[in-house]
Amino acid sequence: MIPVLILLLALVLPTSQQPPVNPIAVKGEAIVTLLRQEKFADVVDQLQPALAAALTEPQLRAGWTGLTGQVGSLQRIVSTRVVPSAGMQVAVVTCQFERALVDVQIGFDAGGRIGALVMRPSVAPAAAAAYSPPPYAAPSAYTETEVTVGIGTSWPLPGTLTMPVGAGPFPVVVLVHGSGANDRDETIGPNKTFKDLALGLASQGVGVLRYEKRTKQYPGKLAGVATATVKDEVIDDALAGVSLARSTPRVDRARVFVAGHSLGGTLVPRIGAADPALRGLIVMAGAVGSLPQAVIDQMRYMAMLDGQIDPPEQQQIDEAMKAAATIDALTPADAGNPQLYGGAAASYWLDLRGYDPPALAKGLKQPMLILQGERDYQVTMADFGKWKAALGSRADVVFHSYAPLNHLFLPGTGPGNPGEYGLAGHVPEAVIRDIATWIQAQR
């Protein structure tokens, strides 16, 4: 997934070859044009006051150059659509960059001011339509029901519960997203990692709950929380999902699990610490180090895919290093500051400071399953090695790595790169089997 330092920022781009008739789409295209021309001050002038206080011209410039440093230059606009969201009209512009398909979302209020700017891997209808169920999914073996996670809270989230057919009770795993505004399927291009997991695991007797991430369902609302942390972004909703699973008929209340991917995997120990009654924890490509440093490492990796780092690429890396240094210099006194740093509030970065996921996991009593793709350049085998170093002596922790898999747990060949995320694939059956076998063994 595109790293959190970029995904949490707010940005935009223009649309298809034919002029859209919707005026919101027209406004979105105009903002995109300004970004392409690097007229960042003109974009900031159109922000709502609350967003303008948090998103400065230098931050917008750094975010844009950071994005293009990771996914290359904008090649073409694929499509544009307009959707309502939290009192705004959002222009969703699907853009083909050199190495990735990205949705740039711009939310306009009734007065035409920009109240939300979000970038995320594309979930364009054309890309989503390309999905087909994996061959190991057995439709006669499961049913799917629409549910709501967090009923009675300020953040209700639509979700899907996939349950095996039969009387049960069945174990259930709650899926926790990676960074960015992910949907319940964790859709990236034509791929849906979480949907593969849900259909595959339910076919093998394990229920799965997945839901829209808060940053997707409420982008403007969450952006307005000046003291937001990963608890607001991820952990609270994961715990609400666990609560929903436990109250659902045919679910074995004593055998509810959490599986986190990417940022979700990083936070699995915090979720486990918050709910010791969880039967087990699954970490899928969970990063263990500083997120700003991970962005720098990824930018260097992608710049070197052609064998050298050219001056513009080095400039982008230098900008990311400056942003990371600013984040490192934050103090508790900055916690209430509404300004964004690297696309997130100071409170977000302060909450993560000093967090050592394997060290926290070492003190938990739940059994764990740690999974890693060996071709993953975003969360690497070095991260996997740190999980092993901390937990390898425990008999109730199982480790699996998969030579051909990337960060999305999809197979490929050669060095991992963002372009392959646009190629349709499925989580291999071996991964599904390893998860199902481990869960069924936790009695």
Protein backbone atom coordinates (compact mmCIF):
# COMPACT_ATOMS: atom_id res chain seq x y z
CA MET A 1 0.00 0.00 0.00
CA ILE A 2 1.10 3.53 -0.59
CA PRO A 3 2.75 4.61 2.68
CA VAL A 4 0.89 6.46 5.41
CA LEU A 5 3.07 9.58 5.19
CA ILE A 6 1.60 10.25 1.75
CA LEU A 7 -1.83 8.67 2.13
CA LEU A 8 -2.78 10.70 5.20
CA LEU A 9 -2.10 13.92 3.30
CA ALA A 10 -4.72 15.75 1.23
CA LEU A 11 -4.30 16.29 -2.53
CA VAL A 12 -5.92 16.18 -6.06
CA LEU A 13 -5.65 15.77 -9.92
CA PRO A 14 -7.69 16.18 -13.28
CA THR A 15 -9.97 13.81 -15.19
CA SER A 16 -10.79 11.96 -18.35
CA GLN A 17 -10.25 13.04 -21.93
CA GLN A 18 -13.88 14.19 -22.31
CA PRO A 19 -15.07 17.19 -20.30
CA PRO A 20 -17.40 16.16 -17.44
CA VAL A 21 -20.75 17.86 -17.14
CA ASN A 22 -20.88 17.75 -13.34
CA PRO A 23 -19.62 21.11 -12.00
CA ILE A 24 -18.00 19.39 -9.02
CA ALA A 25 -15.93 17.30 -11.44
CA VAL A 26 -14.98 20.49 -13.26
CA LYS A 27 -13.85 22.07 -9.99
CA GLY A 28 -11.88 18.94 -9.15
CA GLU A 29 -10.11 19.08 -12.50
CA ALA A 30 -9.23 22.72 -11.96
CA ILE A 31 -7.59 21.88 -8.63
CA VAL A 32 -5.71 19.02 -10.24
CA THR A 33 -4.42 21.29 -12.94
CA LEU A 34 -3.04 23.61 -10.28
CA LEU A 35 -1.25 20.70 -8.62
CA ARG A 36 0.23 19.54 -11.91
CA GLN A 37 1.50 23.07 -12.47
CA GLU A 38 2.84 23.10 -8.88
CA LYS A 39 0.68 26.14 -8.02
CA PHE A 40 0.25 24.93 -4.46
CA ALA A 41 -0.50 28.36 -2.98
CA ASP A 42 -3.50 28.65 -5.31
CA VAL A 43 -4.82 25.34 -4.00
CA VAL A 44 -4.31 26.32 -0.36
CA ASP A 45 -6.27 29.54 -1.03
CA GLN A 46 -9.33 27.40 -1.78
CA LEU A 47 -9.26 25.31 1.41
CA GLN A 48 -11.78 25.64 4.21
CA PRO A 49 -10.25 27.60 7.13
CA ALA A 50 -9.93 24.51 9.34
CA LEU A 51 -8.12 22.57 6.63
CA ALA A 52 -6.00 25.58 5.66
CA ALA A 53 -4.79 25.81 9.26
CA ALA A 54 -3.62 22.21 9.07
CA LEU A 55 -2.34 22.01 5.48
CA THR A 56 0.25 24.61 4.52
CA GLU A 57 1.72 25.29 1.10
CA PRO A 58 5.08 23.61 1.96
CA GLN A 59 3.27 20.54 3.27
CA LEU A 60 1.18 20.30 0.12
CA ARG A 61 4.29 20.67 -2.03
CA ALA A 62 6.14 18.01 -0.03
CA GLY A 63 3.20 15.64 -0.25
CA TRP A 64 2.86 16.03 -4.01
CA THR A 65 6.58 15.60 -4.70
CA GLY A 66 6.64 12.66 -2.32
CA LEU A 67 3.79 10.98 -4.19
CA THR A 68 5.38 11.44 -7.60
CA GLY A 69 8.66 10.22 -6.13
CA GLN A 70 6.95 6.97 -5.19
CA VAL A 71 4.61 6.31 -8.13
CA GLY A 72 6.23 8.34 -10.90
CA SER A 73 4.70 11.10 -13.00
CA LEU A 74 1.04 11.34 -13.93
CA GLN A 75 0.51 9.58 -17.27
CA ARG A 76 -3.20 10.06 -17.87
CA ILE A 77 -6.55 10.59 -16.22
CA VAL A 78 -8.63 7.43 -16.43
CA SER A 79 -12.01 8.67 -15.16
CA THR A 80 -13.81 11.03 -12.78
CA ARG A 81 -16.92 10.52 -10.70
CA VAL A 82 -18.71 12.54 -8.03
CA VAL A 83 -20.05 11.01 -4.80
CA PRO A 84 -21.66 12.53 -1.68
CA SER A 85 -19.79 12.11 1.62
CA ALA A 86 -20.37 13.64 5.07
CA GLY A 87 -22.11 16.78 3.83
CA MET A 88 -19.71 17.32 0.92
CA GLN A 89 -19.61 16.49 -2.78
CA VAL A 90 -16.42 14.58 -3.52
CA ALA A 91 -14.74 14.54 -6.93
CA VAL A 92 -12.95 11.19 -7.24
CA VAL A 93 -10.33 11.41 -9.97
CA THR A 94 -8.73 8.14 -11.02
CA CYS A 95 -5.18 8.79 -12.24
CA GLN A 96 -2.70 6.51 -13.95
CA PHE A 97 0.80 7.30 -12.71
CA GLU A 98 3.88 5.52 -14.02
CA ARG A 99 3.79 2.85 -11.34
CA ALA A 100 0.32 2.93 -9.80
CA LEU A 101 -3.35 3.76 -10.29
CA VAL A 102 -4.40 6.36 -7.69
CA ASP A 103 -7.77 7.86 -6.74
CA VAL A 104 -7.44 11.52 -5.81
CA GLN A 105 -10.49 12.67 -3.86
CA ILE A 106 -11.46 16.34 -3.35
CA GLY A 107 -14.41 17.18 -1.12
CA PHE A 108 -16.22 20.48 -1.75
CA ASP A 109 -18.64 22.10 0.70
CA ALA A 110 -21.80 23.96 -0.33
CA GLY A 111 -19.77 27.13 -0.79
CA GLY A 112 -17.26 25.46 -3.09
CA ARG A 113 -14.42 25.42 -0.55
CA ILE A 114 -12.26 22.32 -0.21
CA GLY A 115 -12.99 20.49 3.02
CA ALA A 116 -11.18 17.21 2.36
CA LEU A 117 -8.25 16.06 0.20
CA VAL A 118 -7.37 12.38 0.14
CA MET A 119 -5.24 10.09 -2.02
CA ARG A 120 -5.54 6.33 -2.02
CA PRO A 121 -4.91 3.32 -4.25
CA SER A 122 -7.61 3.25 -6.88
CA VAL A 123 -10.98 1.64 -6.34
CA ALA A 124 -12.31 2.91 -9.65
CA PRO A 125 -15.39 1.01 -10.84
CA ALA A 126 -13.50 -0.32 -13.84
CA ALA A 127 -10.76 -1.71 -11.61
CA ALA A 128 -13.21 -3.13 -9.09
CA ALA A 129 -15.24 -4.81 -11.83
CA ALA A 130 -12.18 -6.81 -12.88
CA TYR A 131 -12.28 -8.83 -9.65
CA SER A 132 -13.37 -12.45 -9.80
CA PRO A 133 -13.50 -14.84 -6.82
CA PRO A 134 -10.43 -17.02 -6.28
CA PRO A 135 -10.70 -20.65 -7.43
CA TYR A 136 -10.56 -21.91 -3.84
CA ALA A 137 -13.73 -19.99 -2.88
CA ALA A 138 -16.68 -22.39 -2.55
CA PRO A 139 -19.90 -20.30 -2.74
CA SER A 140 -22.02 -23.17 -1.43
CA ALA A 141 -19.89 -23.27 1.74
CA TYR A 142 -20.56 -19.73 3.03
CA THR A 143 -23.04 -16.86 3.18
CA GLU A 144 -22.42 -13.10 3.33
CA THR A 145 -24.43 -10.64 5.41
CA GLU A 146 -24.27 -6.84 5.52
CA VAL A 147 -23.57 -5.58 9.05
CA THR A 148 -22.66 -2.34 10.82
CA VAL A 149 -19.58 -2.09 13.02
CA GLY A 150 -19.80 0.47 15.83
CA ILE A 151 -23.57 0.81 16.16
CA GLY A 152 -24.31 3.46 18.76
CA THR A 153 -20.99 5.25 18.26
CA SER A 154 -20.18 8.39 16.29
CA TRP A 155 -18.45 6.29 13.65
CA PRO A 156 -20.76 3.48 12.42
CA LEU A 157 -19.08 1.56 9.60
CA PRO A 158 -20.73 -0.67 6.97
CA GLY A 159 -19.22 -4.12 6.77
CA THR A 160 -19.64 -7.70 5.60
CA LEU A 161 -19.75 -10.84 7.72
CA THR A 162 -18.82 -13.97 5.79
CA MET A 163 -19.90 -17.09 7.67
CA PRO A 164 -19.54 -20.81 6.93
CA VAL A 165 -22.77 -22.67 6.26
CA GLY A 166 -23.88 -24.79 9.21
CA ALA A 167 -24.97 -24.64 12.82
CA GLY A 168 -21.59 -23.65 14.21
CA PRO A 169 -20.37 -22.22 16.42
CA PHE A 170 -17.49 -21.09 14.20
CA PRO A 171 -14.30 -19.17 14.93
CA VAL A 172 -14.27 -15.67 13.43
CA VAL A 173 -11.39 -13.42 12.44
CA VAL A 174 -11.73 -9.61 12.26
CA LEU A 175 -9.62 -8.07 9.48
CA VAL A 176 -7.78 -4.79 10.20
CA HIS A 177 -6.66 -2.61 7.27
CA GLY A 178 -3.34 -1.13 6.30
CA SER A 179 -2.65 2.60 6.01
CA GLY A 180 -4.84 4.85 3.91
CA ALA A 181 -8.56 5.11 3.23
CA ASN A 182 -9.21 1.42 2.59
CA ASP A 183 -12.53 -0.18 1.80
CA ARG A 184 -13.68 -3.41 3.45
CA ASP A 185 -12.03 -5.52 0.73
CA GLU A 186 -8.71 -3.64 0.91
CA THR A 187 -9.11 -2.96 -2.79
CA ILE A 188 -6.03 -1.91 -4.74
CA GLY A 189 -6.56 -1.82 -8.49
CA PRO A 190 -8.21 -5.12 -9.51
CA ASN A 191 -7.07 -6.85 -6.31
CA LYS A 192 -9.01 -7.39 -3.09
CA THR A 193 -6.77 -8.98 -0.48
CA PHE A 194 -9.39 -8.95 2.27
CA LYS A 195 -12.14 -10.35 0.06
CA ASP A 196 -9.84 -13.20 -0.96
CA LEU A 197 -9.18 -13.91 2.72
CA ALA A 198 -12.88 -13.77 3.60
CA LEU A 199 -14.07 -16.09 0.84
CA GLY A 200 -11.15 -18.47 1.26
CA LEU A 201 -11.30 -18.75 5.05
CA ALA A 202 -15.10 -19.08 5.14
CA SER A 203 -14.79 -21.91 2.62
CA GLN A 204 -12.61 -23.66 5.22
CA GLY A 205 -14.88 -23.14 8.21
CA VAL A 206 -13.65 -19.78 9.55
CA GLY A 207 -15.93 -16.74 9.65
CA VAL A 208 -14.54 -13.34 8.61
CA LEU A 209 -15.66 -9.79 9.45
CA ARG A 210 -14.43 -6.94 7.28
CA TYR A 211 -15.59 -3.31 7.21
CA GLU A 212 -14.97 0.08 5.65
CA LYS A 213 -12.09 1.89 7.29
CA ARG A 214 -12.95 5.08 9.17
CA THR A 215 -10.70 7.18 6.93
CA LYS A 216 -12.70 6.03 3.89
CA GLN A 217 -16.16 6.33 5.40
CA TYR A 218 -15.56 9.68 7.15
CA PRO A 219 -12.59 11.40 5.46
CA GLY A 220 -13.65 14.96 6.24
CA LYS A 221 -14.91 14.21 9.74
CA LEU A 222 -11.76 12.39 10.84
CA ALA A 223 -9.55 15.06 9.31
CA GLY A 224 -11.28 17.52 11.64
CA VAL A 225 -10.11 15.67 14.77
CA ALA A 226 -7.07 17.75 15.71
CA THR A 227 -5.78 15.22 18.24
CA ALA A 228 -6.36 12.04 16.20
CA THR A 229 -4.18 8.98 16.85
CA VAL A 230 -4.06 5.42 15.56
CA LYS A 231 -6.58 4.61 18.29
CA ASP A 232 -9.09 6.81 16.45
CA GLU A 233 -8.01 5.68 13.00
CA VAL A 234 -7.75 1.91 13.58
CA ILE A 235 -7.88 0.43 17.06
CA ASP A 236 -11.32 1.55 18.27
CA ASP A 237 -13.03 0.17 15.17
CA ALA A 238 -11.16 -3.13 15.34
CA LEU A 239 -12.35 -3.57 18.93
CA ALA A 240 -15.90 -2.66 17.88
CA GLY A 241 -15.65 -5.35 15.20
CA VAL A 242 -14.58 -7.89 17.80
CA SER A 243 -17.54 -6.91 19.97
CA LEU A 244 -19.93 -7.33 17.04
CA ALA A 245 -18.48 -10.76 16.22
CA ARG A 246 -18.93 -11.96 19.78
CA SER A 247 -22.60 -10.95 19.79
CA THR A 248 -23.41 -12.69 16.49
CA PRO A 249 -25.28 -16.03 16.39
CA ARG A 250 -23.26 -19.08 15.32
CA VAL A 251 -19.99 -17.41 16.35
CA ASP A 252 -17.83 -19.12 18.97
CA ARG A 253 -17.44 -16.20 21.38
CA ALA A 254 -14.31 -17.75 22.88
CA ARG A 255 -12.59 -18.05 19.47
CA VAL A 256 -12.54 -14.55 18.00
CA PHE A 257 -9.25 -13.55 16.34
CA VAL A 258 -7.80 -10.37 14.85
CA ALA A 259 -5.70 -10.32 11.66
CA GLY A 260 -3.98 -7.04 10.78
CA HIS A 261 -2.29 -6.24 7.47
CA SER A 262 0.50 -3.66 7.06
CA LEU A 263 -0.33 -0.82 9.50
CA GLY A 264 -3.03 -3.10 10.89
CA GLY A 265 -0.35 -5.72 11.52
CA THR A 266 1.83 -3.15 13.22
CA LEU A 267 -1.05 -2.35 15.58
CA VAL A 268 -2.12 -5.94 16.28
CA PRO A 269 -0.17 -6.03 19.59
CA ARG A 270 -1.97 -2.88 20.77
CA ILE A 271 -5.32 -4.43 19.83
CA GLY A 272 -4.36 -7.64 21.65
CA ALA A 273 -3.32 -5.68 24.73
CA ALA A 274 -6.63 -3.81 24.71
CA ASP A 275 -8.63 -7.07 24.55
CA PRO A 276 -6.82 -9.94 26.31
CA ALA A 277 -9.84 -12.22 25.65
CA LEU A 278 -8.96 -12.41 21.96
CA ARG A 279 -8.16 -16.05 21.20
CA GLY A 280 -5.25 -15.24 18.91
CA LEU A 281 -3.48 -12.56 16.86
CA ILE A 282 -2.36 -12.66 13.21
CA VAL A 283 0.24 -10.24 11.83
CA MET A 284 0.43 -9.93 8.04
CA ALA A 285 3.38 -7.78 6.88
CA GLY A 286 3.48 -5.78 10.08
CA ALA A 287 6.11 -3.02 10.05
CA VAL A 288 8.15 -2.60 13.21
CA GLY A 289 10.03 0.68 12.70
CA SER A 290 9.33 4.39 12.21
CA LEU A 291 6.71 5.11 9.56
CA PRO A 292 8.46 8.28 8.29
CA GLN A 293 11.70 6.29 7.95
CA ALA A 294 9.81 3.54 6.11
CA VAL A 295 8.67 6.14 3.56
CA ILE A 296 12.27 7.25 3.02
CA ASP A 297 13.43 3.65 2.63
CA GLN A 298 10.70 2.94 0.08
CA MET A 299 11.53 6.07 -1.91
CA ARG A 300 15.18 5.03 -2.05
CA TYR A 301 14.21 1.51 -3.10
CA MET A 302 11.97 2.71 -5.93
CA ALA A 303 14.49 5.28 -7.09
CA MET A 304 17.08 2.50 -7.37
CA LEU A 305 14.87 0.18 -9.43
CA ASP A 306 16.59 1.55 -12.55
CA GLY A 307 20.02 1.23 -10.94
CA GLN A 308 20.61 4.85 -9.92
CA ILE A 309 19.16 7.77 -8.01
CA ASP A 310 18.93 10.82 -10.24
CA PRO A 311 18.97 14.41 -8.89
CA PRO A 312 15.17 14.92 -8.87
CA GLU A 313 14.73 11.62 -7.03
CA GLN A 314 17.40 12.61 -4.51
CA GLN A 315 15.64 15.95 -3.98
CA GLN A 316 12.40 14.10 -3.19
CA ILE A 317 14.24 11.84 -0.76
CA ASP A 318 15.82 14.88 0.88
CA GLU A 319 12.36 16.47 1.29
CA ALA A 320 11.08 13.28 2.92
CA MET A 321 14.06 13.30 5.27
CA LYS A 322 13.31 16.90 6.26
CA ALA A 323 9.69 15.95 6.95
CA ALA A 324 10.83 13.00 9.08
CA ALA A 325 13.21 15.24 11.03
CA THR A 326 10.35 17.67 11.72
CA ILE A 327 8.22 14.80 13.02
CA ASP A 328 11.08 13.54 15.18
CA ALA A 329 11.42 17.01 16.71
CA LEU A 330 7.80 17.13 17.91
CA THR A 331 7.27 17.33 21.67
CA PRO A 332 4.21 16.63 23.88
CA ALA A 333 3.57 20.37 23.83
CA ASP A 334 2.67 20.01 20.14
CA ALA A 335 -0.05 17.41 20.77
CA GLY A 336 -2.95 19.85 20.45
CA ASN A 337 -1.52 21.68 17.44
CA PRO A 338 -3.92 21.39 14.45
CA GLN A 339 -1.06 21.70 11.96
CA LEU A 340 -0.34 18.58 9.90
CA TYR A 341 3.13 17.06 9.84
CA GLY A 342 3.75 14.66 7.00
CA GLY A 343 0.00 14.53 6.45
CA ALA A 344 -1.02 13.71 10.04
CA ALA A 345 -1.55 15.58 13.29
CA ALA A 346 1.28 15.85 15.81
CA SER A 347 -0.78 13.72 18.19
CA TYR A 348 -0.69 10.88 15.66
CA TRP A 349 3.10 10.78 15.50
CA LEU A 350 3.54 11.28 19.24
CA ASP A 351 1.23 8.34 19.89
CA LEU A 352 3.47 6.09 17.77
CA ARG A 353 6.78 7.40 19.13
CA GLY A 354 8.72 4.64 20.85
CA TYR A 355 6.17 1.99 19.93
CA ASP A 356 7.92 -1.38 19.48
CA PRO A 357 5.33 -3.89 18.19
CA PRO A 358 7.40 -7.09 18.75
CA ALA A 359 8.36 -5.95 22.26
CA LEU A 360 4.73 -5.36 23.20
CA ALA A 361 3.72 -8.64 21.58
CA LYS A 362 6.31 -10.48 23.66
CA GLY A 363 4.41 -9.61 26.82
CA LEU A 364 1.00 -10.76 25.52
CA LYS A 365 -0.44 -14.15 26.37
CA GLN A 366 -2.35 -14.76 23.12
CA PRO A 367 -0.92 -17.19 20.55
CA MET A 368 0.25 -15.48 17.35
CA LEU A 369 0.72 -16.18 13.66
CA ILE A 370 3.24 -13.97 11.80
CA LEU A 371 3.11 -13.94 7.97
CA GLN A 372 5.41 -12.20 5.48
CA GLY A 373 5.90 -11.97 1.72
CA GLU A 374 9.58 -12.25 0.84
CA ARG A 375 9.26 -9.88 -2.16
CA ASP A 376 7.64 -7.16 -0.04
CA TYR A 377 9.65 -3.92 -0.36
CA GLN A 378 7.31 -1.92 1.92
CA VAL A 379 7.55 -4.19 4.96
CA THR A 380 10.67 -6.25 4.46
CA MET A 381 12.18 -9.50 5.64
CA ALA A 382 14.20 -7.38 8.07
CA ASP A 383 10.92 -6.52 9.83
CA PHE A 384 9.97 -10.20 9.80
CA GLY A 385 13.33 -10.98 11.37
CA LYS A 386 12.59 -8.61 14.25
CA TRP A 387 9.30 -10.38 14.96
CA LYS A 388 11.22 -13.66 14.97
CA ALA A 389 13.94 -12.31 17.24
CA ALA A 390 11.37 -11.18 19.82
CA LEU A 391 8.95 -14.10 19.62
CA GLY A 392 10.86 -17.00 18.09
CA SER A 393 11.40 -18.77 21.43
CA ARG A 394 7.65 -19.01 22.11
CA ALA A 395 6.03 -22.32 21.22
CA ASP A 396 2.67 -20.62 20.65
CA VAL A 397 3.96 -18.28 17.91
CA VAL A 398 4.11 -19.61 14.32
CA PHE A 399 6.01 -17.95 11.46
CA HIS A 400 5.49 -18.32 7.69
CA SER A 401 7.20 -16.44 4.86
CA TYR A 402 6.41 -16.90 1.18
CA ALA A 403 9.12 -16.45 -1.46
CA PRO A 404 6.97 -15.21 -4.39
CA LEU A 405 4.64 -12.86 -2.49
CA ASN A 406 4.61 -9.05 -2.30
CA HIS A 407 3.07 -6.65 0.22
CA LEU A 408 -0.48 -7.51 -0.89
CA PHE A 409 0.31 -11.21 -0.47
CA LEU A 410 0.08 -11.63 -4.24
CA PRO A 411 2.59 -13.66 -6.26
CA GLY A 412 5.08 -12.19 -8.70
CA THR A 413 8.65 -12.43 -9.95
CA GLY A 414 11.71 -10.21 -9.75
CA PRO A 415 12.12 -7.19 -7.49
CA GLY A 416 8.85 -5.95 -6.00
CA ASN A 417 7.49 -2.73 -7.51
CA PRO A 418 4.27 -0.66 -7.31
CA GLY A 419 3.32 -1.47 -10.89
CA GLU A 420 2.51 -5.07 -10.06
CA TYR A 421 -0.28 -3.92 -7.71
CA GLY A 422 -2.27 -3.12 -10.85
CA LEU A 423 -2.01 -6.72 -12.10
CA ALA A 424 -4.95 -8.92 -11.15
CA GLY A 425 -4.17 -11.80 -8.80
CA HIS A 426 -5.31 -13.65 -5.70
CA VAL A 427 -3.88 -14.46 -2.31
CA PRO A 428 -2.53 -18.00 -2.85
CA GLU A 429 -4.45 -20.93 -1.39
CA ALA A 430 -1.36 -21.87 0.66
CA VAL A 431 -1.72 -18.65 2.67
CA ILE A 432 -5.44 -19.29 3.22
CA ARG A 433 -4.69 -22.84 4.30
CA ASP A 434 -1.95 -21.78 6.73
CA ILE A 435 -4.26 -19.24 8.40
CA ALA A 436 -7.23 -21.62 8.57
CA THR A 437 -5.14 -24.48 9.92
CA TRP A 438 -3.63 -22.28 12.62
CA ILE A 439 -7.01 -20.86 13.67
CA GLN A 440 -8.65 -24.29 13.83
CA ALA A 441 -5.81 -25.48 16.08
CA GLN A 442 -6.54 -22.76 18.66
CA ARG A 443 -9.12 -24.54 20.82
